[in-house]
N, C-alpha and C. Protein backbone atom coordinates (compact mmCIF):
# COMPACT_ATOMS: atom_id res chain seq x y z
N UNK A 1 -8.36 8.51 -11.18
CA UNK A 1 -9.22 7.46 -11.64
C UNK A 1 -10.61 8.04 -11.87
N UNK A 2 -11.19 7.78 -13.01
CA UNK A 2 -12.48 8.35 -13.37
C UNK A 2 -13.63 7.69 -12.63
N UNK A 3 -13.58 6.41 -12.42
CA UNK A 3 -14.68 5.68 -11.77
C UNK A 3 -14.40 5.60 -10.28
N UNK A 4 -15.36 6.04 -9.48
CA UNK A 4 -15.18 6.03 -8.04
C UNK A 4 -15.55 4.70 -7.40
N UNK A 5 -16.45 3.96 -8.03
CA UNK A 5 -16.89 2.69 -7.45
C UNK A 5 -17.17 1.72 -8.58
N UNK A 6 -16.66 0.53 -8.45
CA UNK A 6 -16.88 -0.52 -9.44
C UNK A 6 -17.94 -1.47 -8.90
N UNK A 7 -19.13 -1.40 -9.45
CA UNK A 7 -20.26 -2.15 -8.94
C UNK A 7 -20.22 -3.60 -9.43
N UNK A 8 -20.42 -4.51 -8.49
CA UNK A 8 -20.55 -5.93 -8.81
C UNK A 8 -21.33 -6.59 -7.68
N UNK A 9 -21.80 -7.79 -7.91
CA UNK A 9 -22.56 -8.51 -6.91
C UNK A 9 -21.70 -9.67 -6.39
N UNK A 10 -21.11 -9.51 -5.22
CA UNK A 10 -20.23 -10.57 -4.71
C UNK A 10 -20.96 -11.88 -4.42
N UNK A 11 -22.27 -11.81 -4.28
CA UNK A 11 -23.04 -13.03 -3.99
C UNK A 11 -23.45 -13.78 -5.26
N UNK A 12 -23.18 -13.17 -6.43
CA UNK A 12 -23.64 -13.75 -7.68
C UNK A 12 -22.79 -14.94 -8.14
N UNK A 13 -21.56 -15.00 -7.67
CA UNK A 13 -20.70 -16.09 -8.14
C UNK A 13 -19.57 -16.35 -7.15
N UNK A 14 -18.94 -17.48 -7.31
CA UNK A 14 -17.77 -17.81 -6.50
C UNK A 14 -16.67 -16.78 -6.72
N UNK A 15 -16.52 -16.33 -7.96
CA UNK A 15 -15.48 -15.35 -8.27
C UNK A 15 -15.75 -14.01 -7.59
N UNK A 16 -17.00 -13.59 -7.59
CA UNK A 16 -17.36 -12.34 -6.91
C UNK A 16 -17.12 -12.43 -5.41
N UNK A 17 -17.45 -13.57 -4.83
CA UNK A 17 -17.21 -13.79 -3.40
C UNK A 17 -15.71 -13.75 -3.10
N UNK A 18 -14.92 -14.31 -4.02
CA UNK A 18 -13.46 -14.33 -3.82
C UNK A 18 -12.89 -12.92 -3.88
N UNK A 19 -13.38 -12.09 -4.80
CA UNK A 19 -12.94 -10.69 -4.88
C UNK A 19 -13.28 -9.99 -3.57
N UNK A 20 -14.52 -10.14 -3.10
CA UNK A 20 -14.93 -9.48 -1.86
C UNK A 20 -14.10 -9.97 -0.67
N UNK A 21 -13.86 -11.26 -0.58
CA UNK A 21 -13.08 -11.83 0.50
C UNK A 21 -11.65 -11.30 0.49
N UNK A 22 -11.07 -11.20 -0.68
CA UNK A 22 -9.70 -10.70 -0.81
C UNK A 22 -9.60 -9.25 -0.37
N UNK A 23 -10.51 -8.41 -0.83
CA UNK A 23 -10.49 -7.00 -0.45
C UNK A 23 -10.73 -6.86 1.06
N UNK A 24 -11.63 -7.63 1.60
CA UNK A 24 -11.89 -7.59 3.04
C UNK A 24 -10.65 -8.00 3.83
N UNK A 25 -9.96 -9.04 3.39
CA UNK A 25 -8.74 -9.48 4.06
C UNK A 25 -7.66 -8.41 4.01
N UNK A 26 -7.51 -7.75 2.87
CA UNK A 26 -6.51 -6.69 2.75
C UNK A 26 -6.84 -5.52 3.69
N UNK A 27 -8.11 -5.13 3.74
CA UNK A 27 -8.51 -4.04 4.63
C UNK A 27 -8.27 -4.40 6.08
N UNK A 28 -8.64 -5.62 6.47
CA UNK A 28 -8.45 -6.06 7.85
C UNK A 28 -6.97 -6.15 8.20
N UNK A 29 -6.15 -6.62 7.25
CA UNK A 29 -4.72 -6.70 7.50
C UNK A 29 -4.09 -5.33 7.72
N UNK A 30 -4.48 -4.37 6.91
CA UNK A 30 -3.96 -3.01 7.05
C UNK A 30 -4.38 -2.41 8.39
N UNK A 31 -5.65 -2.61 8.75
CA UNK A 31 -6.16 -2.10 10.03
C UNK A 31 -5.48 -2.80 11.20
N UNK A 32 -5.30 -4.11 11.09
CA UNK A 32 -4.65 -4.87 12.17
C UNK A 32 -3.21 -4.44 12.37
N UNK A 33 -2.51 -4.17 11.27
CA UNK A 33 -1.13 -3.71 11.38
C UNK A 33 -1.07 -2.40 12.16
N UNK A 34 -1.97 -1.47 11.85
CA UNK A 34 -2.00 -0.20 12.59
C UNK A 34 -2.34 -0.43 14.06
N UNK A 35 -3.26 -1.34 14.34
CA UNK A 35 -3.63 -1.64 15.73
C UNK A 35 -2.46 -2.26 16.49
N UNK A 36 -1.76 -3.19 15.87
CA UNK A 36 -0.61 -3.83 16.51
C UNK A 36 0.46 -2.79 16.83
N UNK A 37 0.76 -1.93 15.89
CA UNK A 37 1.76 -0.90 16.15
C UNK A 37 1.29 0.05 17.24
N UNK A 38 0.00 0.30 17.29
CA UNK A 38 -0.55 1.17 18.33
C UNK A 38 -0.33 0.63 19.73
N UNK A 39 -0.53 -0.69 19.92
CA UNK A 39 -0.29 -1.23 21.25
C UNK A 39 1.20 -1.40 21.51
N UNK A 40 1.96 -1.73 20.46
CA UNK A 40 3.40 -1.92 20.66
C UNK A 40 4.08 -0.64 21.12
N UNK A 41 3.74 0.47 20.49
CA UNK A 41 4.41 1.73 20.84
C UNK A 41 4.10 2.15 22.28
N UNK A 42 2.95 1.73 22.79
CA UNK A 42 2.61 2.03 24.18
C UNK A 42 3.47 1.22 25.16
N UNK A 43 4.08 0.15 24.69
CA UNK A 43 4.90 -0.71 25.55
C UNK A 43 6.40 -0.42 25.42
N UNK A 44 6.74 0.61 24.69
CA UNK A 44 8.14 1.01 24.55
C UNK A 44 8.36 2.18 25.49
N UNK A 45 9.30 2.02 26.40
CA UNK A 45 9.52 2.99 27.48
C UNK A 45 10.55 4.03 27.07
N UNK A 46 10.20 4.88 26.13
CA UNK A 46 11.11 5.93 25.70
C UNK A 46 11.36 5.88 24.21
N UNK A 47 12.55 6.29 23.83
CA UNK A 47 12.96 6.39 22.43
C UNK A 47 12.91 5.03 21.75
N UNK A 48 12.23 4.96 20.61
CA UNK A 48 12.10 3.69 19.89
C UNK A 48 13.41 3.24 19.27
N UNK A 49 14.41 4.11 19.23
CA UNK A 49 15.71 3.74 18.64
C UNK A 49 16.59 2.97 19.62
N UNK A 50 16.24 2.96 20.90
CA UNK A 50 17.07 2.35 21.93
C UNK A 50 16.47 1.03 22.39
N UNK A 51 17.14 -0.07 22.11
CA UNK A 51 16.64 -1.40 22.47
C UNK A 51 16.43 -1.57 23.98
N UNK A 52 17.13 -0.79 24.79
CA UNK A 52 16.96 -0.88 26.24
C UNK A 52 15.54 -0.53 26.67
N UNK A 53 14.79 0.15 25.83
CA UNK A 53 13.44 0.59 26.16
C UNK A 53 12.34 -0.43 25.81
N UNK A 54 12.73 -1.62 25.40
CA UNK A 54 11.77 -2.60 24.89
C UNK A 54 11.46 -3.75 25.86
N UNK A 55 11.78 -3.62 27.13
CA UNK A 55 11.59 -4.71 28.08
C UNK A 55 10.13 -5.12 28.20
N UNK A 56 9.23 -4.17 28.34
CA UNK A 56 7.81 -4.49 28.48
C UNK A 56 7.29 -5.17 27.22
N UNK A 57 7.66 -4.64 26.06
CA UNK A 57 7.23 -5.25 24.79
C UNK A 57 7.84 -6.64 24.63
N UNK A 58 9.10 -6.79 25.01
CA UNK A 58 9.75 -8.11 24.94
C UNK A 58 8.95 -9.13 25.74
N UNK A 59 8.58 -8.77 26.95
CA UNK A 59 7.82 -9.68 27.80
C UNK A 59 6.44 -9.98 27.22
N UNK A 60 5.79 -8.94 26.68
CA UNK A 60 4.45 -9.12 26.11
C UNK A 60 4.47 -10.03 24.87
N UNK A 61 5.54 -9.93 24.08
CA UNK A 61 5.65 -10.73 22.87
C UNK A 61 6.25 -12.11 23.11
N UNK A 62 6.88 -12.29 24.26
CA UNK A 62 7.59 -13.54 24.51
C UNK A 62 8.87 -13.61 23.70
N UNK A 63 9.44 -12.45 23.39
CA UNK A 63 10.69 -12.38 22.63
C UNK A 63 11.86 -12.74 23.55
N UNK A 64 12.94 -13.29 23.01
CA UNK A 64 14.05 -13.71 23.85
C UNK A 64 14.85 -12.55 24.45
N UNK A 65 14.81 -11.38 23.79
CA UNK A 65 15.57 -10.24 24.29
C UNK A 65 15.00 -8.95 23.72
N UNK A 66 15.48 -7.83 24.26
CA UNK A 66 15.00 -6.52 23.82
C UNK A 66 15.32 -6.25 22.36
N UNK A 67 16.47 -6.69 21.90
CA UNK A 67 16.86 -6.45 20.51
C UNK A 67 15.88 -7.12 19.54
N UNK A 68 15.41 -8.30 19.90
CA UNK A 68 14.43 -9.00 19.05
C UNK A 68 13.10 -8.25 19.07
N UNK A 69 12.66 -7.81 20.24
CA UNK A 69 11.42 -7.04 20.33
C UNK A 69 11.52 -5.78 19.49
N UNK A 70 12.66 -5.11 19.55
CA UNK A 70 12.89 -3.91 18.73
C UNK A 70 12.87 -4.28 17.24
N UNK A 71 13.47 -5.39 16.89
CA UNK A 71 13.48 -5.83 15.50
C UNK A 71 12.07 -6.09 14.97
N UNK A 72 11.22 -6.69 15.81
CA UNK A 72 9.83 -6.94 15.42
C UNK A 72 9.11 -5.62 15.20
N UNK A 73 9.27 -4.69 16.15
CA UNK A 73 8.64 -3.39 16.00
C UNK A 73 9.14 -2.68 14.75
N UNK A 74 10.45 -2.65 14.56
CA UNK A 74 11.03 -1.97 13.40
C UNK A 74 10.52 -2.56 12.09
N UNK A 75 10.44 -3.89 12.03
CA UNK A 75 9.97 -4.56 10.81
C UNK A 75 8.53 -4.16 10.48
N UNK A 76 7.67 -4.22 11.48
CA UNK A 76 6.27 -3.87 11.26
C UNK A 76 6.09 -2.38 10.99
N UNK A 77 6.84 -1.55 11.68
CA UNK A 77 6.75 -0.11 11.47
C UNK A 77 7.21 0.27 10.06
N UNK A 78 8.28 -0.33 9.61
CA UNK A 78 8.77 -0.07 8.26
C UNK A 78 7.75 -0.49 7.21
N UNK A 79 7.17 -1.65 7.40
CA UNK A 79 6.15 -2.13 6.47
C UNK A 79 4.95 -1.19 6.47
N UNK A 80 4.51 -0.79 7.65
CA UNK A 80 3.37 0.12 7.75
C UNK A 80 3.64 1.44 7.03
N UNK A 81 4.84 1.97 7.19
CA UNK A 81 5.17 3.23 6.51
C UNK A 81 5.09 3.09 5.00
N UNK A 82 5.51 1.95 4.47
CA UNK A 82 5.43 1.73 3.03
C UNK A 82 4.00 1.57 2.55
N UNK A 83 3.15 1.00 3.38
CA UNK A 83 1.77 0.72 2.99
C UNK A 83 0.82 1.89 3.19
N UNK A 84 1.21 2.87 3.98
CA UNK A 84 0.27 3.94 4.32
C UNK A 84 0.65 5.30 3.77
N UNK A 85 1.65 5.39 2.96
CA UNK A 85 2.03 6.68 2.40
C UNK A 85 1.44 6.87 1.00
N UNK A 86 1.21 8.10 0.65
CA UNK A 86 0.81 8.43 -0.72
C UNK A 86 2.02 8.82 -1.56
N UNK A 87 3.18 8.88 -0.92
CA UNK A 87 4.41 9.20 -1.63
C UNK A 87 4.86 7.99 -2.46
N UNK A 88 5.71 8.22 -3.39
CA UNK A 88 6.24 7.14 -4.21
C UNK A 88 7.23 6.32 -3.38
N UNK A 89 6.98 5.04 -3.29
CA UNK A 89 7.88 4.14 -2.56
C UNK A 89 8.27 2.99 -3.47
N UNK A 90 9.39 2.37 -3.15
CA UNK A 90 9.86 1.24 -3.95
C UNK A 90 9.97 0.02 -3.04
N UNK A 91 10.00 -1.13 -3.66
CA UNK A 91 10.22 -2.41 -2.99
C UNK A 91 9.15 -2.73 -1.94
N UNK A 92 7.90 -2.40 -2.25
CA UNK A 92 6.81 -2.73 -1.34
C UNK A 92 6.63 -4.24 -1.27
N UNK A 93 6.68 -4.89 -2.41
CA UNK A 93 6.56 -6.35 -2.43
C UNK A 93 7.67 -6.98 -1.60
N UNK A 94 8.88 -6.50 -1.76
CA UNK A 94 10.01 -7.03 -0.99
C UNK A 94 9.79 -6.81 0.51
N UNK A 95 9.23 -5.67 0.88
CA UNK A 95 8.96 -5.39 2.30
C UNK A 95 7.91 -6.35 2.85
N UNK A 96 6.87 -6.62 2.07
CA UNK A 96 5.85 -7.58 2.49
C UNK A 96 6.46 -8.97 2.67
N UNK A 97 7.21 -9.42 1.68
CA UNK A 97 7.80 -10.75 1.75
C UNK A 97 8.79 -10.86 2.90
N UNK A 98 9.55 -9.80 3.13
CA UNK A 98 10.52 -9.81 4.24
C UNK A 98 9.78 -9.95 5.57
N UNK A 99 8.71 -9.19 5.76
CA UNK A 99 7.95 -9.28 7.01
C UNK A 99 7.33 -10.66 7.16
N UNK A 100 6.77 -11.19 6.07
CA UNK A 100 6.20 -12.54 6.13
C UNK A 100 7.25 -13.56 6.53
N UNK A 101 8.40 -13.47 5.94
CA UNK A 101 9.46 -14.44 6.20
C UNK A 101 10.07 -14.29 7.59
N UNK A 102 10.27 -13.06 8.05
CA UNK A 102 10.88 -12.85 9.34
C UNK A 102 9.93 -13.15 10.50
N UNK A 103 8.64 -12.93 10.30
CA UNK A 103 7.70 -13.01 11.42
C UNK A 103 6.75 -14.20 11.37
N UNK A 104 6.82 -14.98 10.31
CA UNK A 104 5.95 -16.14 10.22
C UNK A 104 6.37 -17.22 11.19
N UNK A 105 5.41 -17.92 11.71
CA UNK A 105 5.71 -19.00 12.66
C UNK A 105 5.69 -20.32 11.90
């Protein structure tokens, strides 16, 4: 990309404020996802592939069982991997919608 920064005044209009708000929300969401995974991985007692290791995370999340806690971690971890790589990935939109649908209250 030739232009490194696109200058605008977010305070000049409702539209500018909306652009700024949207970008801020996206940045916060990406950072929050990394933070959530950071605390979750600390609550997994061993190999992340084994649901038996998710008791502490299950209790912290209020999940009904270890398999559900593992499913939550796996869903968020998969989404994070798609959002944080510079490699070519497919179905990012589908991954976002799947996480929204599976984890929305």
